[in-house]
Every structure is written in C-alpha cells, then in structure tokens.
N, C-alpha and C. Protein backbone atom coordinates (compact mmCIF):
# COMPACT_ATOMS: atom_id res chain seq x y z
N UNK A 1 165.78 91.12 51.14
CA UNK A 1 164.85 91.85 51.03
C UNK A 1 164.28 92.98 51.88
N UNK A 2 164.22 94.12 51.75
CA UNK A 2 164.07 95.03 52.52
C UNK A 2 162.66 94.86 53.26
N UNK A 3 162.40 95.57 54.59
CA UNK A 3 161.39 95.32 55.19
C UNK A 3 160.37 96.24 55.34
N UNK A 4 161.01 97.36 54.86
CA UNK A 4 160.38 98.59 54.95
C UNK A 4 159.91 99.22 53.76
N UNK A 5 158.64 99.05 53.16
CA UNK A 5 158.19 99.61 51.59
C UNK A 5 157.57 101.19 51.90
N UNK A 6 157.80 101.97 51.13
CA UNK A 6 157.08 103.23 50.96
C UNK A 6 156.30 103.24 49.91
N UNK A 7 154.68 103.13 50.09
CA UNK A 7 153.89 103.12 48.76
C UNK A 7 153.67 104.74 48.43
N UNK A 8 153.89 105.10 47.18
CA UNK A 8 153.88 106.63 46.92
C UNK A 8 152.42 106.80 47.06
N UNK A 9 152.36 108.26 47.33
CA UNK A 9 151.05 109.02 47.57
C UNK A 9 151.18 110.38 46.60
N UNK A 10 149.89 111.01 46.49
CA UNK A 10 149.90 112.35 45.60
C UNK A 10 148.83 112.43 44.81
N UNK A 11 148.15 113.45 44.62
CA UNK A 11 147.16 113.57 43.84
C UNK A 11 147.76 114.30 42.06
N UNK A 12 148.87 114.71 42.31
CA UNK A 12 149.35 115.34 41.18
C UNK A 12 150.62 114.50 40.60
N UNK A 13 151.25 114.73 39.65
CA UNK A 13 152.76 114.33 39.32
C UNK A 13 153.44 114.92 40.28
N UNK A 14 153.33 116.16 40.45
CA UNK A 14 154.37 117.05 41.34
C UNK A 14 154.55 116.58 42.82
N UNK A 15 153.28 116.46 43.20
CA UNK A 15 153.25 115.63 44.65
C UNK A 15 153.68 114.60 44.74
N UNK A 16 153.23 113.83 43.97
CA UNK A 16 154.18 111.97 43.98
C UNK A 16 155.78 112.37 43.91
N UNK A 17 156.21 112.85 43.12
CA UNK A 17 157.40 113.26 43.04
C UNK A 17 157.99 113.57 44.26
N UNK A 18 157.45 114.84 44.58
CA UNK A 18 157.90 115.38 45.84
C UNK A 18 158.03 114.42 47.25
N UNK A 19 157.03 113.57 47.50
CA UNK A 19 156.95 112.58 48.43
C UNK A 19 157.70 111.51 48.29
N UNK A 20 158.18 111.19 47.03
CA UNK A 20 159.23 110.37 46.81
C UNK A 20 160.42 110.63 47.05
N UNK A 21 160.71 111.91 46.70
CA UNK A 21 162.16 112.42 46.55
C UNK A 21 162.33 112.66 48.15
N UNK A 22 161.36 113.03 48.93
CA UNK A 22 161.52 113.10 50.33
C UNK A 22 161.71 111.70 51.19
N UNK A 23 161.13 110.58 50.63
CA UNK A 23 161.37 109.56 51.18
C UNK A 23 162.74 108.98 50.93
N UNK A 24 163.01 109.43 49.65
CA UNK A 24 164.47 108.72 49.07
C UNK A 24 165.56 109.69 50.02
N UNK A 25 165.47 110.74 50.01
CA UNK A 25 166.14 111.66 51.14
C UNK A 25 166.39 111.33 52.28
N UNK A 26 165.32 110.62 52.90
CA UNK A 26 165.40 110.18 54.42
C UNK A 26 165.69 108.79 54.66
N UNK A 27 165.99 107.88 53.76
CA UNK A 27 166.80 106.89 53.51
C UNK A 27 165.87 105.52 53.21
N UNK A 28 164.77 105.95 52.60
CA UNK A 28 163.70 104.52 52.17
C UNK A 28 164.67 103.85 51.14
N UNK A 29 164.44 102.64 50.91
CA UNK A 29 165.14 101.69 50.15
C UNK A 29 164.40 100.81 49.33
N UNK A 30 163.01 101.19 49.44
CA UNK A 30 162.10 100.51 48.58
C UNK A 30 160.81 101.22 48.56
N UNK A 31 160.45 101.52 46.93
CA UNK A 31 159.39 102.66 46.64
C UNK A 31 158.70 101.79 45.86
N UNK A 32 157.24 101.66 46.16
CA UNK A 32 156.16 101.00 45.08
C UNK A 32 155.46 102.49 44.66
N UNK A 33 155.58 102.76 43.58
CA UNK A 33 154.79 103.85 42.60
C UNK A 33 153.50 103.22 42.60
N UNK A 34 152.70 104.31 43.32
CA UNK A 34 151.09 103.70 43.31
C UNK A 34 150.32 105.03 42.91
N UNK A 35 149.58 105.55 41.84
CA UNK A 35 148.97 106.39 41.55
C UNK A 35 147.58 106.15 40.91
N UNK A 36 146.64 105.89 41.67
CA UNK A 36 145.36 105.49 41.18
C UNK A 36 144.76 106.28 40.06
N UNK A 37 143.80 106.32 39.04
CA UNK A 37 143.17 107.04 38.60
C UNK A 37 143.97 108.09 37.76
N UNK A 38 145.23 108.12 37.53
CA UNK A 38 146.11 108.84 37.14
C UNK A 38 145.89 108.84 35.43
N UNK A 39 146.10 110.11 34.70
CA UNK A 39 146.17 109.89 33.34
C UNK A 39 147.40 109.05 33.01
N UNK A 40 147.20 108.50 31.72
CA UNK A 40 148.40 107.14 31.55
C UNK A 40 149.71 108.13 30.87
N UNK A 41 149.71 109.26 30.35
CA UNK A 41 150.63 109.73 29.79
C UNK A 41 151.69 110.25 31.35
N UNK A 42 150.95 110.96 32.00
CA UNK A 42 151.41 111.50 33.56
C UNK A 42 151.95 110.16 34.33
N UNK A 43 151.40 108.85 34.42
CA UNK A 43 151.71 107.91 35.01
C UNK A 43 152.94 107.24 34.66
N UNK A 44 153.09 107.38 33.25
CA UNK A 44 154.31 106.74 32.53
C UNK A 44 155.44 107.88 33.07
N UNK A 45 155.23 108.91 32.86
CA UNK A 45 156.27 110.09 33.19
C UNK A 45 156.77 109.96 34.71
N UNK A 46 155.77 109.87 35.36
CA UNK A 46 156.14 109.69 37.09
C UNK A 46 156.93 108.37 37.23
N UNK A 47 156.60 107.14 36.56
CA UNK A 47 157.24 106.15 36.91
C UNK A 47 158.67 106.14 36.03
N UNK A 48 158.74 107.10 34.89
CA UNK A 48 160.24 107.25 34.56
C UNK A 48 161.00 107.81 35.31
N UNK A 49 160.21 108.83 35.97
CA UNK A 49 161.09 109.85 37.05
C UNK A 49 161.35 109.02 38.15
N UNK A 50 160.48 108.12 38.90
CA UNK A 50 160.79 107.42 39.83
C UNK A 50 161.65 106.55 39.76
N UNK A 51 162.11 105.81 38.65
CA UNK A 51 162.92 104.58 38.26
C UNK A 51 164.38 105.36 38.08
N UNK A 52 164.41 106.32 37.80
CA UNK A 52 165.91 107.07 37.66
C UNK A 52 166.24 107.69 39.09
N UNK A 53 165.19 108.10 39.82
CA UNK A 53 165.36 108.51 41.23
C UNK A 53 165.76 107.39 41.85
N UNK A 54 165.07 106.27 41.74
CA UNK A 54 165.78 105.25 42.75
C UNK A 54 166.86 104.45 42.22
N UNK A 55 167.14 104.72 40.79
CA UNK A 55 168.70 104.13 40.44
C UNK A 55 169.79 105.05 41.16
N UNK A 56 169.47 106.28 41.25
CA UNK A 56 170.33 107.11 41.78
C UNK A 56 170.51 107.00 43.23
N UNK A 57 169.60 106.59 43.83
CA UNK A 57 169.61 106.37 45.28
C UNK A 57 169.94 104.90 45.62
N UNK A 58 170.09 103.95 44.51
CA UNK A 58 170.32 102.75 44.83
C UNK A 58 169.08 101.98 45.77
N UNK A 59 168.06 102.45 45.12
CA UNK A 59 166.69 102.01 45.70
C UNK A 59 165.95 100.95 45.01
N UNK A 60 165.32 100.25 45.39
CA UNK A 60 164.11 99.14 44.77
C UNK A 60 163.08 99.95 44.26
N UNK A 61 162.59 100.13 43.08
CA UNK A 61 161.62 100.65 42.52
C UNK A 61 160.62 99.81 41.80
N UNK A 62 159.25 99.48 42.59
CA UNK A 62 158.32 98.84 42.14
C UNK A 62 157.19 99.35 41.58
N UNK A 63 156.56 99.10 40.48
CA UNK A 63 155.24 99.61 40.13
C UNK A 63 154.01 99.08 40.39
N UNK A 64 153.08 99.67 40.74
CA UNK A 64 151.71 99.05 41.19
C UNK A 64 150.97 98.75 39.96
N UNK A 65 150.51 97.47 40.01
CA UNK A 65 149.67 97.11 38.91
C UNK A 65 150.02 96.88 37.58
N UNK A 66 150.71 97.76 36.79
CA UNK A 66 150.87 97.69 35.60
C UNK A 66 152.29 97.00 35.26
N UNK A 67 152.09 95.82 34.75
CA UNK A 67 153.15 94.77 34.36
C UNK A 67 154.02 95.45 33.23
N UNK A 68 153.00 95.94 32.33
CA UNK A 68 153.87 96.22 30.84
C UNK A 68 154.69 97.71 31.02
N UNK A 69 154.12 98.48 31.95
CA UNK A 69 154.83 99.84 32.27
C UNK A 69 156.14 99.11 32.88
N UNK A 70 156.01 98.45 33.89
CA UNK A 70 157.09 98.17 34.64
C UNK A 70 158.14 97.42 33.87
N UNK A 71 157.71 96.63 32.83
CA UNK A 71 158.72 96.14 31.85
C UNK A 71 159.40 97.07 31.03
N UNK A 72 158.37 98.23 30.62
CA UNK A 72 158.89 99.28 29.80
C UNK A 72 160.02 100.03 30.42
N UNK A 73 159.91 100.16 31.58
CA UNK A 73 160.89 101.25 32.16
C UNK A 73 161.86 100.54 32.93
N UNK A 74 161.88 99.24 32.76
CA UNK A 74 162.93 98.14 33.45
C UNK A 74 162.75 98.40 34.90
N UNK A 75 161.63 98.46 35.54
CA UNK A 75 161.52 98.52 37.16
C UNK A 75 161.99 97.42 37.72
N UNK A 76 162.31 97.57 39.04
CA UNK A 76 162.76 96.34 39.63
C UNK A 76 161.67 95.15 39.72
N UNK A 77 160.42 95.41 39.51
CA UNK A 77 159.20 94.71 39.64
C UNK A 77 157.87 95.19 39.54
N UNK A 78 156.90 94.33 40.07
CA UNK A 78 155.66 95.05 40.02
C UNK A 78 154.73 94.34 41.23
N UNK A 79 153.83 95.37 41.66
CA UNK A 79 152.90 94.68 42.84
C UNK A 79 151.56 94.59 42.25
N UNK A 80 150.97 93.41 42.42
CA UNK A 80 149.47 92.91 41.65
C UNK A 80 148.70 92.75 42.75
N UNK A 81 147.81 93.49 42.65
CA UNK A 81 146.13 93.16 43.42
C UNK A 81 145.47 91.73 42.89
N UNK A 82 144.59 91.44 43.67
CA UNK A 82 144.00 90.12 43.45
C UNK A 82 143.25 90.23 42.29
N UNK A 83 142.64 91.05 41.77
CA UNK A 83 142.02 91.51 40.43
C UNK A 83 142.90 91.82 39.15
N UNK A 84 144.04 91.96 39.53
CA UNK A 84 145.17 92.52 38.47
C UNK A 84 145.53 91.18 37.67
N UNK A 85 146.50 91.49 36.92
CA UNK A 85 147.26 90.27 35.95
C UNK A 85 147.43 89.43 36.99
N UNK A 86 147.65 87.98 36.32
CA UNK A 86 148.17 86.79 37.25
C UNK A 86 149.74 86.85 37.59
N UNK A 87 150.09 86.43 38.70
CA UNK A 87 151.67 86.37 38.97
C UNK A 87 152.17 85.58 37.69
N UNK A 88 151.82 84.53 37.20
CA UNK A 88 152.41 83.94 36.34
C UNK A 88 152.27 84.64 34.95
N UNK A 89 151.63 85.45 34.57
CA UNK A 89 151.62 86.11 33.41
C UNK A 89 152.71 87.49 33.55
N UNK A 90 152.83 87.96 34.73
CA UNK A 90 153.80 88.90 34.96
C UNK A 90 155.09 88.58 34.87
N UNK A 91 155.39 86.92 35.29
CA UNK A 91 156.51 86.40 35.52
C UNK A 91 156.92 86.10 34.16
N UNK A 92 156.01 85.81 33.28
CA UNK A 92 156.40 85.54 31.72
C UNK A 92 156.92 86.79 31.16
N UNK A 93 156.29 88.05 31.59
CA UNK A 93 156.54 89.45 30.91
C UNK A 93 157.98 89.82 31.27
N UNK A 94 157.98 89.60 32.86
CA UNK A 94 159.03 90.36 33.37
C UNK A 94 160.56 89.49 33.57
N UNK A 95 160.17 88.01 33.38
CA UNK A 95 161.18 87.35 33.76
C UNK A 95 161.68 87.10 34.81
N UNK A 96 162.54 85.94 35.26
CA UNK A 96 162.75 85.42 36.38
C UNK A 96 163.40 86.49 37.54
N UNK A 97 164.22 87.31 37.11
CA UNK A 97 165.18 88.24 38.15
C UNK A 97 164.27 89.31 38.78
N UNK A 98 163.05 89.58 38.17
CA UNK A 98 162.20 90.93 39.05
C UNK A 98 161.15 90.39 39.95
N UNK A 99 161.19 91.21 40.81
CA UNK A 99 160.48 91.32 42.10
C UNK A 99 159.09 91.20 41.68
N UNK A 100 158.22 90.07 42.11
CA UNK A 100 156.68 90.29 41.85
C UNK A 100 156.07 90.03 42.96
N UNK A 101 155.23 91.00 43.82
CA UNK A 101 154.52 90.81 44.88
C UNK A 101 152.91 90.88 44.87
N UNK A 102 152.18 90.38 45.57
CA UNK A 102 150.87 90.28 45.41
C UNK A 102 150.07 90.42 46.72
N UNK A 103 148.94 91.11 46.34
CA UNK A 103 147.97 91.50 47.62
C UNK A 103 147.35 90.16 48.08
N UNK A 104 147.09 90.15 49.40
CA UNK A 104 145.94 89.08 50.11
C UNK A 104 145.49 89.77 51.21
N UNK A 105 144.19 89.03 51.33
CA UNK A 105 143.29 89.55 52.57
C UNK A 105 142.97 88.47 53.41
N UNK A 106 142.80 87.38 52.62
CA UNK A 106 142.29 86.11 53.55
C UNK A 106 143.58 84.80 53.68
N UNK A 107 143.44 83.96 54.47
CA UNK A 107 144.03 82.85 54.47
C UNK A 107 144.18 81.89 52.88
N UNK A 108 142.89 81.80 52.20
CA UNK A 108 143.06 81.19 50.83
C UNK A 108 143.91 82.01 50.14
N UNK A 109 143.76 83.42 50.20
CA UNK A 109 144.46 84.39 49.29
C UNK A 109 146.08 83.89 49.46
N UNK A 110 146.55 83.95 50.82
CA UNK A 110 147.84 83.91 51.01
C UNK A 110 148.28 82.65 50.58
N UNK A 111 147.49 81.35 50.69
CA UNK A 111 148.18 80.24 50.03
C UNK A 111 147.96 80.07 48.74
N UNK A 112 146.93 81.08 47.77
CA UNK A 112 147.14 81.32 46.44
C UNK A 112 148.43 81.75 46.11
N UNK A 113 148.68 82.93 46.77
CA UNK A 113 149.94 83.57 46.49
C UNK A 113 151.39 82.75 46.67
N UNK A 114 151.21 82.02 47.72
CA UNK A 114 152.47 80.94 47.65
C UNK A 114 152.26 80.06 46.73
N UNK A 115 151.26 79.62 46.53
CA UNK A 115 151.27 78.79 45.15
C UNK A 115 151.66 79.28 44.00
N UNK A 116 151.24 80.65 43.65
CA UNK A 116 151.88 81.38 42.43
C UNK A 116 153.30 81.71 42.57
N UNK A 117 154.08 81.25 43.68
CA UNK A 117 155.23 81.53 43.71
C UNK A 117 155.78 83.22 43.56
N UNK A 118 155.01 84.10 44.34
CA UNK A 118 155.27 85.53 44.26
C UNK A 118 156.20 85.52 45.44
N UNK A 119 157.15 86.79 45.21
CA UNK A 119 158.26 86.99 46.08
C UNK A 119 157.87 87.48 47.50
N UNK A 120 156.68 87.96 47.54
CA UNK A 120 156.19 88.56 48.79
C UNK A 120 154.82 88.73 48.72
N UNK A 121 154.34 89.15 50.09
CA UNK A 121 152.86 89.11 49.80
C UNK A 121 152.46 90.49 50.82
N UNK A 122 151.64 91.13 50.15
CA UNK A 122 151.08 92.41 50.94
C UNK A 122 149.69 91.95 51.65
N UNK A 123 149.63 91.83 53.00
CA UNK A 123 148.57 91.12 53.62
C UNK A 123 147.92 92.34 54.52
N UNK A 124 146.84 92.51 54.19
CA UNK A 124 145.91 93.53 55.22
C UNK A 124 144.53 93.72 54.74
N UNK A 125 143.75 94.81 55.06
CA UNK A 125 144.58 95.79 55.96
C UNK A 125 144.60 95.47 57.27
N UNK A 126 145.46 96.03 57.81
CA UNK A 126 145.56 95.73 59.58
C UNK A 126 144.49 96.85 60.05
N UNK A 127 144.12 97.83 59.98
CA UNK A 127 143.08 98.78 60.07
C UNK A 127 142.56 99.43 59.11
N UNK A 128 141.49 100.43 59.19
CA UNK A 128 140.77 101.21 58.21
C UNK A 128 141.88 102.19 57.67
N UNK A 129 142.03 102.15 56.19
CA UNK A 129 142.78 103.35 55.49
C UNK A 129 141.97 103.84 54.59
N UNK A 130 142.23 105.16 54.68
CA UNK A 130 141.73 105.97 53.49
C UNK A 130 142.40 105.95 52.04
N UNK A 131 143.61 105.09 52.04
CA UNK A 131 144.30 105.13 50.89
C UNK A 131 143.56 104.36 49.52
N UNK A 132 142.77 103.46 49.96
CA UNK A 132 142.31 102.30 49.03
C UNK A 132 140.76 102.84 49.00
N UNK A 133 140.35 102.68 47.93
CA UNK A 133 139.00 103.15 47.60
C UNK A 133 138.05 101.73 47.85
N UNK A 134 138.27 100.65 47.59
CA UNK A 134 137.55 99.46 47.84
C UNK A 134 138.37 98.58 48.82
N UNK A 135 138.13 99.08 50.10
CA UNK A 135 138.81 98.22 51.35
C UNK A 135 138.28 96.89 51.59
N UNK A 136 139.45 96.07 51.78
CA UNK A 136 138.94 94.59 52.03
C UNK A 136 138.62 94.55 53.60
N UNK A 137 138.11 93.67 53.90
CA UNK A 137 137.95 93.25 55.50
C UNK A 137 138.90 93.47 56.20
N UNK A 138 138.99 94.57 57.37
CA UNK A 138 140.04 94.95 58.09
C UNK A 138 140.14 93.29 58.84
N UNK A 139 141.69 93.29 59.02
CA UNK A 139 142.04 92.22 59.78
C UNK A 139 142.40 91.93 61.26
N UNK A 140 143.04 93.32 61.48
CA UNK A 140 143.50 93.67 63.13
C UNK A 140 144.62 92.63 63.25
N UNK A 141 145.24 93.00 64.53
CA UNK A 141 146.17 91.86 64.96
C UNK A 141 145.71 90.31 65.03
N UNK A 142 144.60 90.22 65.51
CA UNK A 142 144.21 88.74 65.32
C UNK A 142 144.03 88.17 64.36
N UNK A 143 143.68 88.89 62.89
CA UNK A 143 143.55 88.38 61.62
C UNK A 143 144.77 87.57 61.10
N UNK A 144 145.96 88.70 61.35
CA UNK A 144 147.34 88.30 61.24
C UNK A 144 147.82 87.04 62.05
N UNK A 145 147.53 87.02 63.27
CA UNK A 145 147.69 85.86 64.30
C UNK A 145 147.19 84.86 63.66
N UNK A 146 145.46 84.74 63.48
CA UNK A 146 144.98 83.60 62.96
C UNK A 146 145.63 82.94 61.51
N UNK A 147 145.78 83.82 60.71
CA UNK A 147 146.53 83.39 59.39
C UNK A 147 147.86 82.60 59.53
N UNK A 148 148.55 83.28 60.59
CA UNK A 148 149.87 82.78 60.67
C UNK A 148 149.97 81.39 61.41
N UNK A 149 149.05 81.31 62.27
CA UNK A 149 148.89 79.80 63.28
C UNK A 149 148.28 78.89 61.90
N UNK A 150 147.43 79.26 61.04
CA UNK A 150 146.85 78.24 60.37
C UNK A 150 148.00 77.76 59.44
N UNK A 151 148.65 78.76 58.87
CA UNK A 151 149.66 78.25 57.96
C UNK A 151 150.65 77.15 58.83
N UNK A 152 150.82 77.80 59.97
CA UNK A 152 151.77 76.71 60.69
C UNK A 152 151.13 75.17 60.80
N UNK A 153 149.83 75.16 61.24
CA UNK A 153 149.12 74.01 61.30
C UNK A 153 149.11 73.11 60.05
N UNK A 154 149.10 73.86 59.08
CA UNK A 154 149.27 73.12 57.84
C UNK A 154 150.70 72.72 57.26
N UNK A 155 151.76 73.10 58.04
CA UNK A 155 152.86 73.04 57.77
C UNK A 155 153.42 73.63 56.39
N UNK A 156 152.97 74.87 56.28
CA UNK A 156 153.24 75.68 55.00
C UNK A 156 154.26 76.66 55.77
N UNK A 157 155.48 76.64 54.98
CA UNK A 157 156.60 77.82 55.48
C UNK A 157 155.85 79.35 55.34
N UNK A 158 156.19 79.93 56.16
CA UNK A 158 155.59 81.17 56.34
C UNK A 158 156.62 82.14 55.15
N UNK A 159 155.85 82.67 54.38
CA UNK A 159 156.48 83.42 53.13
C UNK A 159 156.64 84.99 53.81
N UNK A 160 157.46 85.56 52.97
CA UNK A 160 157.50 87.30 53.11
C UNK A 160 156.16 88.01 53.14
N UNK A 161 155.81 88.15 54.30
CA UNK A 161 154.23 88.99 54.64
C UNK A 161 154.58 90.37 54.79
N UNK A 162 154.29 91.42 54.22
CA UNK A 162 154.32 92.69 54.56
C UNK A 162 152.79 93.25 55.03
N UNK A 163 152.75 93.59 56.18
CA UNK A 163 151.42 94.26 56.76
C UNK A 163 150.98 95.41 55.94
N UNK A 164 150.03 95.85 55.64
CA UNK A 164 149.41 96.85 54.82
C UNK A 164 148.19 97.35 55.66
N UNK A 165 147.97 98.72 55.67
CA UNK A 165 146.81 99.46 56.04
C UNK A 165 147.02 100.20 57.33
N UNK A 166 147.26 101.54 57.28
CA UNK A 166 147.42 102.56 58.35
C UNK A 166 148.37 101.45 59.27
N UNK A 167 149.56 101.22 59.18
CA UNK A 167 150.19 100.56 60.22
C UNK A 167 151.07 102.01 60.67
N UNK A 168 151.36 101.46 62.07
CA UNK A 168 152.16 102.91 62.60
C UNK A 168 153.28 102.31 63.31
N UNK A 169 154.23 103.20 63.78
CA UNK A 169 155.53 102.80 64.22
C UNK A 169 155.34 101.71 65.44
N UNK A 170 154.22 102.08 66.28
CA UNK A 170 153.97 101.32 67.52
C UNK A 170 153.48 100.03 67.13
N UNK A 171 153.21 99.61 65.86
CA UNK A 171 152.63 98.49 65.57
C UNK A 171 153.51 97.33 65.16
N UNK A 172 154.77 97.97 64.94
CA UNK A 172 155.86 96.78 64.16
C UNK A 172 156.42 95.89 64.94
N UNK A 173 156.72 95.96 66.19
CA UNK A 173 157.07 95.04 67.12
C UNK A 173 155.96 94.04 67.37
N UNK A 174 154.91 94.34 67.48
CA UNK A 174 153.70 93.27 67.54
C UNK A 174 153.52 92.49 66.39
N UNK A 175 153.73 93.19 65.13
CA UNK A 175 153.76 92.55 63.90
C UNK A 175 154.65 91.52 63.68
N UNK A 176 155.86 91.94 64.25
CA UNK A 176 157.06 91.03 63.90
C UNK A 176 156.82 89.92 65.03
N UNK A 177 156.31 89.99 66.13
CA UNK A 177 156.17 88.85 67.31
C UNK A 177 155.28 87.86 66.34
N UNK A 178 154.14 88.54 65.79
CA UNK A 178 153.17 87.46 65.31
C UNK A 178 153.88 86.58 63.93
N UNK A 179 155.20 86.99 63.53
CA UNK A 179 155.80 86.43 62.34
C UNK A 179 155.48 87.08 61.04
N UNK A 180 155.49 88.32 60.86
CA UNK A 180 155.00 89.27 59.83
C UNK A 180 156.47 89.75 59.37
N UNK A 181 156.81 89.60 58.30
CA UNK A 181 158.37 90.04 57.75
C UNK A 181 158.67 91.49 57.98
N UNK A 182 157.39 92.19 57.24
CA UNK A 182 157.82 93.84 57.24
C UNK A 182 156.50 94.58 56.99
N UNK A 183 156.62 95.83 56.80
CA UNK A 183 155.28 96.58 56.54
C UNK A 183 155.74 97.48 55.27
N UNK A 184 154.52 97.75 54.60
CA UNK A 184 154.25 98.64 53.82
C UNK A 184 153.57 99.76 53.97
N UNK A 185 154.14 101.09 54.19
CA UNK A 185 153.31 102.11 54.83
C UNK A 185 153.36 103.27 53.76
N UNK A 186 152.25 104.27 53.71
CA UNK A 186 152.07 105.36 53.02
C UNK A 186 152.08 106.51 53.51
N UNK A 187 150.80 106.57 54.63
CA UNK A 187 150.23 108.07 54.92
C UNK A 187 151.37 108.50 55.87
N UNK A 188 152.17 107.65 56.98
CA UNK A 188 152.98 108.15 57.77
C UNK A 188 154.25 108.64 57.32
N UNK A 189 154.86 107.84 56.21
CA UNK A 189 156.01 108.69 55.62
C UNK A 189 155.55 109.94 54.76
N UNK A 190 154.53 109.61 54.20
CA UNK A 190 154.13 111.04 53.47
C UNK A 190 154.27 112.12 54.34
N UNK A 191 153.64 111.93 55.52
CA UNK A 191 153.43 113.00 56.35
C UNK A 191 154.71 113.57 56.97
N UNK A 192 155.54 112.61 57.52
CA UNK A 192 156.57 112.84 58.43
C UNK A 192 157.79 111.70 57.60
N UNK A 193 158.38 112.03 56.56
CA UNK A 193 159.49 111.43 56.25
C UNK A 193 160.63 111.15 57.03
N UNK A 194 161.03 111.92 57.93
CA UNK A 194 161.88 111.72 59.00
C UNK A 194 161.41 110.55 59.93
N UNK A 195 160.51 109.96 60.20
CA UNK A 195 160.38 108.68 60.69
C UNK A 195 160.64 107.37 59.97
N UNK A 196 161.14 107.62 59.01
CA UNK A 196 161.87 106.31 58.59
C UNK A 196 162.87 105.86 58.94
N UNK A 197 163.87 106.52 60.03
CA UNK A 197 164.66 106.11 60.43
C UNK A 197 164.41 105.42 61.71
N UNK A 198 163.24 105.89 62.38
CA UNK A 198 162.84 105.32 63.65
C UNK A 198 162.06 103.71 63.07
N UNK A 199 161.35 103.70 62.04
CA UNK A 199 160.61 102.67 61.58
C UNK A 199 161.92 101.43 61.38
N UNK A 200 163.02 102.22 60.61
CA UNK A 200 164.01 100.94 60.47
C UNK A 200 164.66 100.36 61.66
N UNK A 201 164.82 101.21 62.87
CA UNK A 201 165.15 100.89 64.24
C UNK A 201 164.48 99.83 64.71
N UNK A 202 163.20 99.71 64.55
CA UNK A 202 162.31 98.88 65.42
C UNK A 202 162.17 97.61 64.33
N UNK A 203 162.59 97.57 63.27
CA UNK A 203 162.67 96.46 62.37
C UNK A 203 163.74 95.44 62.69
N UNK A 204 163.39 94.34 63.15
CA UNK A 204 164.40 93.17 63.66
C UNK A 204 165.26 92.53 62.54
C-alpha cells in the first residue's frame, strides 16, 4: 500500500480536476476524491473523471464517504468517516478486493476500526486544519505516540495508520519513528505539487 495519499481540494469541479491532474503529473500514486457539499451531479462527474485519470496514471482512486458512488464508477475503494456508512456495509457492497479506509481520532476509534477489519486508518488531526468543517480534537505527536504505546501495551498489532491534519514534510520522519505508516495530505500538495517527490523521498 502506498504511504502517501493526496486528498483532493477545490471549490469547483474545474479546481478539483486541475489539482488532481497536477498531483498525478508530479507522481502521486493514491488520490482520495473529496469534495464536501458538492452538487450531486457534479460530484459524480468529478469522480468519473478522477477514476479515468487515475486509471491512465496507474494510480489508486478512492472516493470519500460515498460507497454507492465508489461502486458505480468502479473506484479502487472508499474512505469512511465515523458517522458514515459502516465498514461492514461497505464491504458487502464493494466486495473483498476493494480498499476500505476509516477515520479515527481516539484509541477506542482505532480499536473499533481494527475490529471492523478496515484496510487502513486515517488518524488525526495532527494539528489544526481548515480543510475540515467539524474538526476532531487535535492529537499532536504526543497523541499519536500515546495511541501507539497503548496498542502495544494491549498486544494489538499496529495497523496501517495514516496521519492526517496539516501534516508537513518536516513531520514525516517523526511520525514514522512513532510507528505511523504513512500520511494523507491535502493543502501542501494543492499549493505545491512538486513537493510530492520530496515527500516520497523521506518515506521509509
């Protein structure tokens, strides 16, 4: 599984597509299409375009929140928030071979996601971010370390955890030392797509 995810950004379908294209041109191998409060027909259109582009670039295409849409366009999988559809329901709809990721904010969320057998966990936020309207309590490096330590104390295998929430290039080594598998980023790639190569280089 790739260690670097790009979560798409943009207020219009044109902005979203442009940012996804730039990320793909600069070597991203995992795109999560996320466009909150979008008109349904435009969201469908964007997801169709994104899936086609990702296929051309041999890149993983994940849809945020919408299991039925992920199924309709044959995306590679779906990412679900804690208040979205259940992982089990998504698995029934999408089948065993699709990627299903889930959001978590606390140790109990992480354990819930492990028990639900999701393929990866987006854990955060690391710090304050403007890309989410309803932000969960900020974890900081200490929060990640505490969750990893407590999983180890309970002899629970560490799942593939991606740090989310204003992650920067300088954060990656520290996160990996803690035991975090990868990062899911939005703003830094949207603003500077050429940073993708630098991000990849520091991923162990």
